[in-house]
Amino acid sequence: MPPLTPGQVAYWQRRLEATATNADRARALWDLARAQAGQSEEAWADLVRLLSAWTQQHAASGPPRTR
């Protein structure tokens, strides 16, 4: 994946700062991940492994906390 340009970093920072809930943040981060993965099967596989590992690690800690 190519690194983000300064303009892209600023865009994603503004988008994340504009979120008010965990659901909003999740959508923004998912959109960022999709943009970065593009059509790369390797990048999508990395994303799946990352999310799977995170889910397994946090499943034992109980239900997700909300604000």
Protein backbone atom coordinates (compact mmCIF):
# COMPACT_ATOMS: atom_id res chain seq x y z
CA MET A 1 0.00 0.00 0.00
CA PRO A 2 1.37 3.42 -0.85
CA PRO A 3 1.77 5.84 2.03
CA LEU A 4 -0.86 8.49 2.48
CA THR A 5 -0.09 11.97 1.21
CA PRO A 6 -0.23 14.85 3.72
CA GLY A 7 -3.57 15.89 2.21
CA GLN A 8 -4.99 12.40 2.65
CA VAL A 9 -3.78 12.24 6.25
CA ALA A 10 -5.47 15.59 6.94
CA TYR A 11 -8.71 14.35 5.34
CA TRP A 12 -8.82 11.18 7.46
CA GLN A 13 -7.90 13.08 10.62
CA ARG A 14 -10.75 15.54 10.01
CA ARG A 15 -13.13 12.67 9.29
CA LEU A 16 -12.20 10.87 12.51
CA GLU A 17 -12.38 14.07 14.56
CA ALA A 18 -15.92 14.62 13.25
CA THR A 19 -17.15 11.29 14.64
CA ALA A 20 -19.22 11.27 17.80
CA THR A 21 -19.89 7.58 18.41
CA ASN A 22 -18.04 4.30 18.21
CA ALA A 23 -20.26 3.34 15.26
CA ASP A 24 -19.24 6.53 13.43
CA ARG A 25 -15.56 5.87 14.16
CA ALA A 26 -15.88 2.26 13.00
CA ARG A 27 -17.39 3.38 9.68
CA ALA A 28 -14.66 5.97 9.14
CA LEU A 29 -11.88 3.50 9.97
CA TRP A 30 -13.47 0.82 7.76
CA ASP A 31 -13.63 3.30 4.88
CA LEU A 32 -9.96 4.14 5.44
CA ALA A 33 -9.05 0.44 5.45
CA ARG A 34 -10.99 -0.16 2.23
CA ALA A 35 -9.34 2.83 0.58
CA GLN A 36 -5.91 1.58 1.58
CA ALA A 37 -6.57 -2.04 0.58
CA GLY A 38 -7.95 -1.11 -2.84
CA GLN A 39 -7.90 -4.18 -5.06
CA SER A 40 -4.98 -5.87 -3.30
CA GLU A 41 -5.91 -9.39 -2.20
CA GLU A 42 -2.87 -9.39 0.08
CA ALA A 43 -4.00 -6.18 1.81
CA TRP A 44 -7.54 -7.55 2.24
CA ALA A 45 -6.14 -10.77 3.68
CA ASP A 46 -4.06 -8.74 6.15
CA LEU A 47 -7.16 -6.80 7.15
CA VAL A 48 -9.16 -10.00 7.69
CA ARG A 49 -6.36 -11.46 9.84
CA LEU A 50 -6.12 -8.25 11.86
CA LEU A 51 -9.86 -8.05 12.50
CA SER A 52 -10.10 -11.76 13.28
CA ALA A 53 -7.27 -11.56 15.81
CA TRP A 54 -8.74 -8.44 17.41
CA THR A 55 -12.18 -10.06 17.65
CA GLN A 56 -10.77 -13.21 19.25
CA GLN A 57 -8.71 -11.20 21.76
CA HIS A 58 -11.66 -9.05 22.78
CA ALA A 59 -14.35 -11.75 22.80
CA ALA A 60 -13.09 -13.00 26.15
CA SER A 61 -13.30 -9.54 27.72
CA GLY A 62 -17.09 -9.35 27.53
CA PRO A 63 -19.45 -7.10 25.60
CA PRO A 64 -18.07 -3.95 23.99
CA ARG A 65 -18.17 -0.83 26.10
CA THR A 66 -20.04 2.24 24.91
CA ARG A 67 -19.58 5.86 25.79
